[in-house]
Amino acid sequence: MVIGKGFTDRLLTQAEIRGIICQGLAQIDVAGKRVFVIIPDGTRSGPVPLMFHLLSELLSVRGAKVDFLIALGTHRRMSEEDILEHLGISREERYGQYAQVEILNHDWQNGLREIGIIPAAEIRELSQGFLDQHLHVEVNERIFDYDRLIICGPVFPHEVVGFSGGNKYFFPGISGETVIELTHWLASLIGNLGIIGKEETPVRRIIDRAASYIQMPKSCFSMVVKRERDLAGLYFGSPEESQAQAAALSARVNVCYVERTYHTVLCVMPDIYDDFWTACKGMFKAEPVVADGGTLIIYAPHIDEVSYTHGAALDRIGYHVRDYYLAHEAELTDVSPLVIGHAVLVKGAGSYQTGVEKPRINVALATRIPPERCERINLSYVDPTTVHPEEWMGHEKEDVLVIPRAGEVLYCLRE
């Protein structure tokens, strides 16, 4: 049974949020148990401080020992200062009332345990024939030190799984590279336009199957976030069921429909994204409303790095459409499918025939990444000092759309 509620015309009050958490925790046995709460990193919006305080308090009151694991995927490790800000606590609180609470970063390359293998035949069925390979399922081994796992994270339209949340916090949130690589490569084969904003996808089916290998009690608080830290909805239940209810509401709250496409779309990226690897979400959420031959600009003057984790690989292979990489597959056997999948999704739809690449749209960076590096990675460059978003606002009649705080709300063409 899923506990919770959500609205399209108002926000949840703090009393309602607390009530849902109390009702949810009352359904599970936590007394005397060790509980591991899996939360998002700083690249995701949501009332993380509120949820951290409430879950710490209410689980402790019910007699549980509670710790937290930050689901980084392959994102950069959060520093202690980052974590304090992310959780909304002071240093004094961290080493005072929360001194017994362990707060860990996930490491996608170390401390993993293989928990199962999904056979190739099953992957072929789940991926609708796009892939034909087995999958070794690895997850952070620290979860096995606990009696119960609780996911707490937002549900947004997502380029890899359709909608984020639920078991995505296990895979890729706290998994090893095998699942991360396969799911991102599968998403790139299907394409962002074929996945984002869809509640049921081949990738979602695979991560749900992978999560079935975690043979311990699992629950999930699925948040539908509006205006950065407000909640339009909160649902508690199994990771699959609570995420599904949150995705249905997110499809109404976090999708903006426009009447036509635009030649120029300016995505103003917030500073929760510290490299282009994460800020590229602006592209994914706006690609559907860029006209054929148009330009999408990622405006993030605070960013000076392509990827803190995968920058060297991207400098080597650049950003290209899917068929370009398929044509050069023999030359890229040593490059992670995760990196290639990311590059495909960023470049967007397009074709590659007889040595000629034709992306559907032009992706440009207005960041502190210099023009020569943009050229090296096959993306256009726009001088960020020449971009003034406030002056571009309201110019829809001139075929310009400005998206403030881009990266989480999906823009779609109204059918």
Protein backbone atom coordinates (compact mmCIF):
# COMPACT_ATOMS: atom_id res chain seq x y z
CA MET A 1 0.00 0.00 0.00
CA VAL A 2 1.25 3.46 -0.89
CA ILE A 3 0.83 6.20 1.70
CA GLY A 4 0.88 9.85 0.68
CA LYS A 5 -0.76 12.58 -1.32
CA GLY A 6 -0.02 15.15 -3.97
CA PHE A 7 -1.56 18.17 -5.66
CA THR A 8 -1.17 20.13 -8.87
CA ASP A 9 -2.65 23.34 -7.45
CA ARG A 10 -0.96 23.64 -4.06
CA LEU A 11 2.01 22.53 -1.99
CA LEU A 12 2.17 20.18 0.95
CA THR A 13 2.44 21.83 4.35
CA GLN A 14 5.18 20.83 6.77
CA ALA A 15 2.50 19.27 8.97
CA GLU A 16 1.31 17.13 6.03
CA ILE A 17 4.89 16.10 5.22
CA ARG A 18 5.55 15.10 8.81
CA GLY A 19 2.25 13.22 8.92
CA ILE A 20 3.08 11.19 5.79
CA ILE A 21 6.50 10.28 7.17
CA CYS A 22 4.96 9.23 10.49
CA GLN A 23 2.32 7.12 8.73
CA GLY A 24 4.92 5.52 6.50
CA LEU A 25 7.35 4.63 9.28
CA ALA A 26 4.47 3.20 11.31
CA GLN A 27 4.06 0.55 8.60
CA ILE A 28 7.57 -0.88 8.98
CA ASP A 29 9.51 -2.48 11.83
CA VAL A 30 12.49 -0.29 12.72
CA ALA A 31 12.71 -0.68 16.51
CA GLY A 32 16.23 -1.78 17.41
CA LYS A 33 17.13 -1.99 13.70
CA ARG A 34 19.93 -0.38 11.71
CA VAL A 35 18.39 1.75 8.97
CA PHE A 36 20.33 3.10 5.97
CA VAL A 37 18.68 6.07 4.27
CA ILE A 38 19.75 6.67 0.66
CA ILE A 39 19.52 10.33 -0.38
CA PRO A 40 20.38 12.37 -3.49
CA ASP A 41 23.51 14.47 -3.90
CA GLY A 42 23.64 18.22 -4.41
CA THR A 43 22.73 18.00 -8.11
CA ARG A 44 19.10 17.26 -7.23
CA SER A 45 16.56 19.76 -5.93
CA GLY A 46 14.31 18.99 -3.01
CA PRO A 47 13.79 19.66 0.70
CA VAL A 48 16.74 17.46 1.65
CA PRO A 49 17.42 19.36 4.91
CA LEU A 50 13.80 18.97 6.01
CA MET A 51 13.74 15.25 5.17
CA PHE A 52 17.11 14.69 6.86
CA HIS A 53 15.92 16.32 10.08
CA LEU A 54 12.55 14.55 10.09
CA LEU A 55 13.87 11.09 9.23
CA SER A 56 16.70 11.39 11.77
CA GLU A 57 14.24 12.42 14.47
CA LEU A 58 11.37 10.08 13.69
CA LEU A 59 13.49 6.99 13.10
CA SER A 60 15.44 7.59 16.31
CA VAL A 61 12.21 8.06 18.28
CA ARG A 62 11.09 4.65 17.00
CA GLY A 63 14.31 3.08 18.30
CA ALA A 64 16.28 2.80 15.07
CA LYS A 65 19.97 3.45 14.45
CA VAL A 66 19.97 5.62 11.34
CA ASP A 67 22.77 6.46 8.89
CA PHE A 68 22.73 8.11 5.46
CA LEU A 69 24.31 7.20 2.11
CA ILE A 70 24.60 9.83 -0.65
CA ALA A 71 23.71 8.30 -4.02
CA LEU A 72 26.40 9.87 -6.19
CA GLY A 73 26.40 7.50 -9.15
CA THR A 74 29.60 8.64 -10.87
CA HIS A 75 29.28 12.25 -9.71
CA ARG A 76 32.05 13.96 -7.77
CA ARG A 77 32.40 13.16 -4.07
CA MET A 78 30.75 15.72 -1.80
CA SER A 79 33.10 17.47 0.65
CA GLU A 80 32.25 17.85 4.31
CA GLU A 81 31.28 21.49 3.72
CA ASP A 82 29.07 20.46 0.80
CA ILE A 83 27.36 17.84 2.94
CA LEU A 84 26.68 20.25 5.80
CA GLU A 85 25.07 22.71 3.40
CA HIS A 86 23.18 19.93 1.60
CA LEU A 87 21.69 18.64 4.84
CA GLY A 88 21.10 22.06 6.37
CA ILE A 89 23.14 21.48 9.51
CA SER A 90 25.96 23.39 11.16
CA ARG A 91 29.33 21.92 12.06
CA GLU A 92 28.31 22.12 15.72
CA GLU A 93 25.15 20.09 14.99
CA ARG A 94 27.10 17.57 12.93
CA TYR A 95 29.43 16.76 15.80
CA GLY A 96 26.81 17.36 18.47
CA GLN A 97 23.30 15.98 18.09
CA TYR A 98 24.18 14.11 14.86
CA ALA A 99 27.56 12.78 16.02
CA GLN A 100 26.28 9.18 16.01
CA VAL A 101 24.84 9.48 12.49
CA GLU A 102 27.19 8.21 9.78
CA ILE A 103 26.96 10.12 6.48
CA LEU A 104 28.74 8.44 3.58
CA ASN A 105 29.51 9.21 -0.06
CA HIS A 106 28.98 6.36 -2.50
CA ASP A 107 32.10 5.28 -4.41
CA TRP A 108 31.20 3.71 -7.76
CA GLN A 109 34.67 2.14 -8.15
CA ASN A 110 35.30 0.69 -4.70
CA GLY A 111 33.52 -1.17 -1.92
CA LEU A 112 31.11 -3.05 -4.17
CA ARG A 113 29.49 -6.49 -3.98
CA GLU A 114 28.11 -8.52 -6.86
CA ILE A 115 24.61 -9.70 -5.97
CA GLY A 116 23.45 -11.39 -9.16
CA ILE A 117 23.63 -11.72 -12.93
CA ILE A 118 20.75 -10.89 -15.26
CA PRO A 119 21.04 -13.34 -18.21
CA ALA A 120 21.41 -12.06 -21.75
CA ALA A 121 18.05 -13.49 -22.79
CA GLU A 122 16.33 -11.52 -20.06
CA ILE A 123 18.22 -8.32 -20.93
CA ARG A 124 17.15 -8.83 -24.55
CA GLU A 125 13.52 -9.06 -23.48
CA LEU A 126 13.67 -6.15 -21.01
CA SER A 127 15.50 -3.88 -23.49
CA GLN A 128 13.05 -4.71 -26.29
CA GLY A 129 15.86 -6.21 -28.36
CA PHE A 130 18.28 -3.28 -28.18
CA LEU A 131 20.82 -5.25 -26.13
CA ASP A 132 21.85 -8.90 -26.01
CA GLN A 133 24.30 -9.31 -23.14
CA HIS A 134 24.29 -10.45 -19.53
CA LEU A 135 24.60 -7.94 -16.71
CA HIS A 136 26.64 -8.34 -13.53
CA VAL A 137 24.72 -6.47 -10.82
CA GLU A 138 26.97 -4.74 -8.27
CA VAL A 139 25.95 -2.51 -5.39
CA ASN A 140 27.59 -0.67 -2.49
CA GLU A 141 28.52 -3.39 0.01
CA ARG A 142 27.79 -1.17 3.02
CA ILE A 143 24.04 -1.71 2.61
CA PHE A 144 24.49 -5.25 3.94
CA ASP A 145 25.53 -3.85 7.33
CA TYR A 146 21.92 -2.73 7.82
CA ASP A 147 18.53 -4.29 8.49
CA ARG A 148 16.43 -2.00 6.30
CA LEU A 149 16.96 0.43 3.42
CA ILE A 150 14.91 3.57 2.90
CA ILE A 151 15.22 5.63 -0.28
CA CYS A 152 14.36 9.32 -0.03
CA GLY A 153 14.60 11.25 -3.28
CA PRO A 154 12.80 13.36 -5.86
CA VAL A 155 11.08 12.15 -9.02
CA PHE A 156 11.70 14.27 -12.13
CA PRO A 157 11.51 13.62 -15.88
CA HIS A 158 14.79 11.87 -16.71
CA GLU A 159 16.71 11.20 -19.91
CA VAL A 160 17.88 7.68 -19.00
CA VAL A 161 14.92 6.10 -17.18
CA GLY A 162 11.96 8.32 -18.16
CA PHE A 163 11.34 9.53 -14.61
CA SER A 164 13.94 9.42 -11.86
CA GLY A 165 13.48 8.10 -8.33
CA GLY A 166 12.65 4.72 -6.86
CA ASN A 167 15.16 1.99 -7.66
CA LYS A 168 17.26 4.47 -9.62
CA TYR A 169 18.73 5.36 -6.24
CA PHE A 170 20.19 1.85 -6.19
CA PHE A 171 21.08 1.71 -9.89
CA PRO A 172 23.01 3.82 -10.77
CA GLY A 173 22.82 5.75 -7.48
CA ILE A 174 24.87 3.31 -5.36
CA SER A 175 25.91 0.75 -7.96
CA GLY A 176 29.06 -0.21 -9.80
CA GLU A 177 29.96 0.71 -13.36
CA THR A 178 28.47 -2.37 -15.04
CA VAL A 179 24.86 -1.30 -14.46
CA ILE A 180 25.69 2.36 -15.03
CA GLU A 181 27.31 1.62 -18.39
CA LEU A 182 24.58 -0.66 -19.67
CA THR A 183 21.66 1.60 -18.71
CA HIS A 184 23.22 4.75 -20.16
CA TRP A 185 24.19 2.98 -23.37
CA LEU A 186 20.69 1.56 -23.72
CA ALA A 187 19.23 5.05 -23.20
CA SER A 188 21.48 6.47 -25.90
CA LEU A 189 20.43 3.75 -28.36
CA ILE A 190 16.77 4.64 -27.78
CA GLY A 191 17.42 8.40 -27.59
CA ASN A 192 16.37 11.11 -25.19
CA LEU A 193 13.26 11.96 -27.19
CA GLY A 194 12.12 8.34 -26.93
CA ILE A 195 12.59 8.09 -23.16
CA ILE A 196 12.30 11.34 -21.24
CA GLY A 197 8.95 11.91 -19.56
CA LYS A 198 7.75 8.34 -20.11
CA GLU A 199 6.66 6.46 -17.00
CA GLU A 200 7.45 2.99 -18.38
CA THR A 201 10.76 2.44 -20.21
CA PRO A 202 13.14 -0.46 -20.97
CA VAL A 203 15.76 1.10 -18.67
CA ARG A 204 13.28 1.35 -15.79
CA ARG A 205 12.46 -2.34 -16.24
CA ILE A 206 16.14 -3.28 -16.06
CA ILE A 207 16.89 -1.29 -12.91
CA ASP A 208 13.77 -2.66 -11.22
CA ARG A 209 14.96 -6.17 -12.10
CA ALA A 210 18.45 -5.41 -10.77
CA ALA A 211 16.94 -4.13 -7.52
CA SER A 212 15.12 -7.43 -7.05
CA TYR A 213 18.52 -8.96 -6.21
CA ILE A 214 18.71 -6.81 -3.07
CA GLN A 215 17.13 -9.32 -0.72
CA MET A 216 16.39 -7.11 2.26
CA PRO A 217 13.48 -4.85 3.27
CA LYS A 218 13.32 -1.76 1.05
CA SER A 219 11.04 1.27 1.29
CA CYS A 220 10.94 4.60 -0.46
CA PHE A 221 9.83 8.18 0.13
CA SER A 222 9.24 9.58 -3.38
CA MET A 223 9.12 13.36 -3.55
CA VAL A 224 7.52 15.52 -6.25
CA VAL A 225 9.43 18.78 -6.04
CA LYS A 226 8.28 22.22 -7.14
CA ARG A 227 10.16 25.51 -6.92
CA GLU A 228 13.45 23.96 -5.79
CA ARG A 229 12.60 22.90 -2.23
CA ASP A 230 8.81 22.75 -2.01
CA LEU A 231 6.83 19.54 -2.22
CA ALA A 232 3.76 19.10 -4.40
CA GLY A 233 3.60 15.43 -3.43
CA LEU A 234 5.14 12.82 -1.15
CA TYR A 235 4.52 9.06 -1.36
CA PHE A 236 5.76 6.17 0.77
CA GLY A 237 5.76 2.51 -0.15
CA SER A 238 7.89 0.08 -2.11
CA PRO A 239 10.42 1.74 -4.43
CA GLU A 240 8.39 0.61 -7.45
CA GLU A 241 4.93 1.65 -6.25
CA SER A 242 5.80 4.95 -4.58
CA GLN A 243 7.89 6.03 -7.58
CA ALA A 244 5.07 5.20 -9.97
CA GLN A 245 2.61 7.39 -8.07
CA ALA A 246 5.14 10.21 -7.84
CA ALA A 247 5.93 9.94 -11.57
CA ALA A 248 2.24 10.28 -12.43
CA LEU A 249 2.10 13.54 -10.46
CA SER A 250 5.48 14.76 -11.71
CA ALA A 251 4.19 14.36 -15.27
CA ARG A 252 1.64 17.05 -14.41
CA VAL A 253 3.81 19.25 -12.17
CA ASN A 254 7.27 19.08 -13.77
CA VAL A 255 6.34 19.21 -17.46
CA CYS A 256 5.75 22.53 -19.22
CA TYR A 257 3.89 22.45 -22.53
CA VAL A 258 4.47 25.07 -25.22
CA GLU A 259 2.52 25.69 -28.40
CA ARG A 260 5.45 25.58 -30.82
CA THR A 261 9.17 24.95 -31.16
CA TYR A 262 11.82 27.69 -31.00
CA HIS A 263 14.90 28.38 -33.09
CA THR A 264 16.92 29.47 -30.05
CA VAL A 265 16.50 28.07 -26.54
CA LEU A 266 18.59 29.50 -23.70
CA CYS A 267 18.90 27.17 -20.70
CA VAL A 268 20.00 29.08 -17.60
CA MET A 269 21.65 26.50 -15.36
CA PRO A 270 21.66 26.85 -11.55
CA ASP A 271 24.87 26.45 -9.58
CA ILE A 272 23.83 23.04 -8.23
CA TYR A 273 25.56 21.79 -11.38
CA ASP A 274 29.32 22.22 -11.12
CA ASP A 275 30.45 20.74 -14.45
CA PHE A 276 28.92 20.24 -17.88
CA TRP A 277 28.43 16.52 -17.21
CA THR A 278 25.67 17.48 -14.77
CA ALA A 279 24.58 20.77 -16.36
CA CYS A 280 23.80 18.99 -19.63
CA LYS A 281 20.42 18.21 -18.08
CA GLY A 282 19.37 21.54 -19.55
CA MET A 283 19.76 19.97 -23.00
CA PHE A 284 17.75 16.88 -22.12
CA LYS A 285 14.82 18.82 -20.68
CA ALA A 286 14.64 21.32 -23.57
CA GLU A 287 15.55 19.25 -26.64
CA PRO A 288 11.89 18.50 -27.50
CA VAL A 289 11.08 22.21 -28.07
CA VAL A 290 14.09 23.18 -30.17
CA ALA A 291 13.18 23.51 -33.85
CA ASP A 292 15.03 21.45 -36.46
CA GLY A 293 18.24 23.34 -37.26
CA GLY A 294 17.88 25.44 -34.12
CA THR A 295 20.36 26.12 -31.32
CA LEU A 296 20.21 25.20 -27.65
CA ILE A 297 22.55 27.22 -25.43
CA ILE A 298 23.68 25.99 -22.02
CA TYR A 299 24.29 29.21 -20.07
CA ALA A 300 26.39 28.42 -16.99
CA PRO A 301 29.11 31.06 -16.49
CA HIS A 302 30.13 29.38 -13.23
CA ILE A 303 31.22 26.15 -14.98
CA ASP A 304 34.79 25.68 -16.23
CA GLU A 305 35.02 21.89 -16.58
CA VAL A 306 33.45 19.39 -19.00
CA SER A 307 33.47 16.56 -16.48
CA TYR A 308 35.49 16.16 -13.29
CA THR A 309 35.25 12.38 -13.64
CA HIS A 310 35.22 11.73 -17.40
CA GLY A 311 36.73 14.88 -18.92
CA ALA A 312 39.79 13.18 -20.47
CA ALA A 313 37.65 10.58 -22.24
CA LEU A 314 35.29 13.24 -23.59
CA ASP A 315 38.24 15.30 -24.84
CA ARG A 316 39.26 12.24 -26.82
CA ILE A 317 35.92 11.16 -28.32
CA GLY A 318 33.97 14.44 -28.41
CA TYR A 319 30.19 14.73 -28.63
CA HIS A 320 28.52 13.08 -31.63
CA VAL A 321 25.21 11.53 -32.65
CA ARG A 322 24.56 7.85 -32.00
CA ASP A 323 25.29 6.58 -35.51
CA TYR A 324 28.72 8.25 -35.52
CA TYR A 325 29.82 6.10 -32.59
CA LEU A 326 28.27 2.98 -34.06
CA ALA A 327 30.29 3.59 -37.23
CA HIS A 328 33.50 4.01 -35.17
CA GLU A 329 32.79 1.20 -32.71
CA ALA A 330 36.04 -0.67 -33.43
CA GLU A 331 38.08 2.40 -32.46
CA LEU A 332 36.27 2.94 -29.16
CA THR A 333 36.44 -0.46 -27.48
CA ASP A 334 38.45 1.02 -24.59
CA VAL A 335 35.96 3.83 -23.91
CA SER A 336 33.25 3.32 -21.31
CA PRO A 337 29.72 2.93 -22.75
CA LEU A 338 28.68 5.33 -19.98
CA VAL A 339 30.78 8.11 -21.52
CA ILE A 340 29.64 7.36 -25.06
CA GLY A 341 26.02 7.16 -23.94
CA HIS A 342 26.31 10.54 -22.23
CA ALA A 343 27.86 12.07 -25.35
CA VAL A 344 25.09 10.72 -27.58
CA LEU A 345 22.33 12.06 -25.35
CA VAL A 346 23.97 15.50 -25.22
CA LYS A 347 24.45 15.76 -28.97
CA GLY A 348 20.85 14.70 -29.48
CA ALA A 349 19.06 13.19 -32.43
CA GLY A 350 20.68 13.19 -35.85
CA SER A 351 22.30 11.07 -38.55
CA TYR A 352 25.73 9.96 -39.77
CA GLN A 353 26.04 8.71 -43.32
CA THR A 354 29.01 8.42 -45.70
CA GLY A 355 31.19 10.30 -43.23
CA VAL A 356 28.82 13.25 -42.82
CA GLU A 357 27.28 13.99 -39.41
CA LYS A 358 23.99 15.90 -39.28
CA PRO A 359 22.74 16.58 -35.76
CA ARG A 360 19.14 17.73 -35.59
CA ILE A 361 20.07 20.78 -33.49
CA ASN A 362 23.19 22.71 -32.53
CA VAL A 363 24.30 22.54 -28.87
CA ALA A 364 26.37 25.48 -27.64
CA LEU A 365 28.13 26.17 -24.35
CA ALA A 366 28.11 29.64 -22.78
CA THR A 367 30.43 28.69 -19.92
CA ARG A 368 34.02 29.29 -18.84
CA ILE A 369 35.06 26.24 -20.86
CA PRO A 370 37.27 27.91 -23.51
CA PRO A 371 36.38 27.94 -27.23
CA GLU A 372 39.28 25.69 -28.22
CA ARG A 373 38.09 22.97 -25.86
CA CYS A 374 34.51 23.33 -27.10
CA GLU A 375 35.82 22.82 -30.62
CA ARG A 376 37.80 19.77 -29.50
CA ILE A 377 34.68 18.13 -28.05
CA ASN A 378 32.55 19.10 -31.07
CA LEU A 379 30.21 21.56 -29.34
CA SER A 380 29.71 25.22 -30.25
CA TYR A 381 30.98 28.08 -28.10
CA VAL A 382 29.17 31.24 -27.06
CA ASP A 383 30.98 33.93 -25.06
CA PRO A 384 29.06 33.98 -21.74
CA THR A 385 29.77 37.69 -21.27
CA THR A 386 27.62 38.42 -24.32
CA VAL A 387 24.60 36.57 -22.90
CA HIS A 388 22.18 38.51 -20.70
CA PRO A 389 19.24 36.23 -19.88
CA GLU A 390 17.11 39.04 -18.43
CA GLU A 391 17.31 40.85 -21.78
CA TRP A 392 16.30 37.71 -23.66
CA MET A 393 13.22 37.08 -21.52
CA GLY A 394 9.91 37.75 -23.21
CA HIS A 395 11.31 37.45 -26.74
CA GLU A 396 9.21 34.42 -27.69
CA LYS A 397 7.86 36.29 -30.70
CA GLU A 398 11.42 36.57 -31.97
CA ASP A 399 11.74 32.78 -31.83
CA VAL A 400 13.68 32.78 -28.54
CA LEU A 401 12.74 30.80 -25.41
CA VAL A 402 14.53 31.40 -22.11
CA ILE A 403 14.28 28.65 -19.49
CA PRO A 404 15.27 29.88 -16.00
CA ARG A 405 16.69 27.32 -13.60
CA ALA A 406 16.78 24.71 -16.34
CA GLY A 407 17.48 21.03 -15.82
CA GLU A 408 14.49 19.63 -13.96
CA VAL A 409 11.30 20.80 -15.67
CA LEU A 410 10.71 19.07 -19.01
CA TYR A 411 9.58 21.26 -21.92
CA CYS A 412 7.38 19.55 -24.47
CA LEU A 413 5.37 20.54 -27.51
CA ARG A 414 1.65 20.45 -26.80
CA GLU A 415 0.05 17.85 -29.02
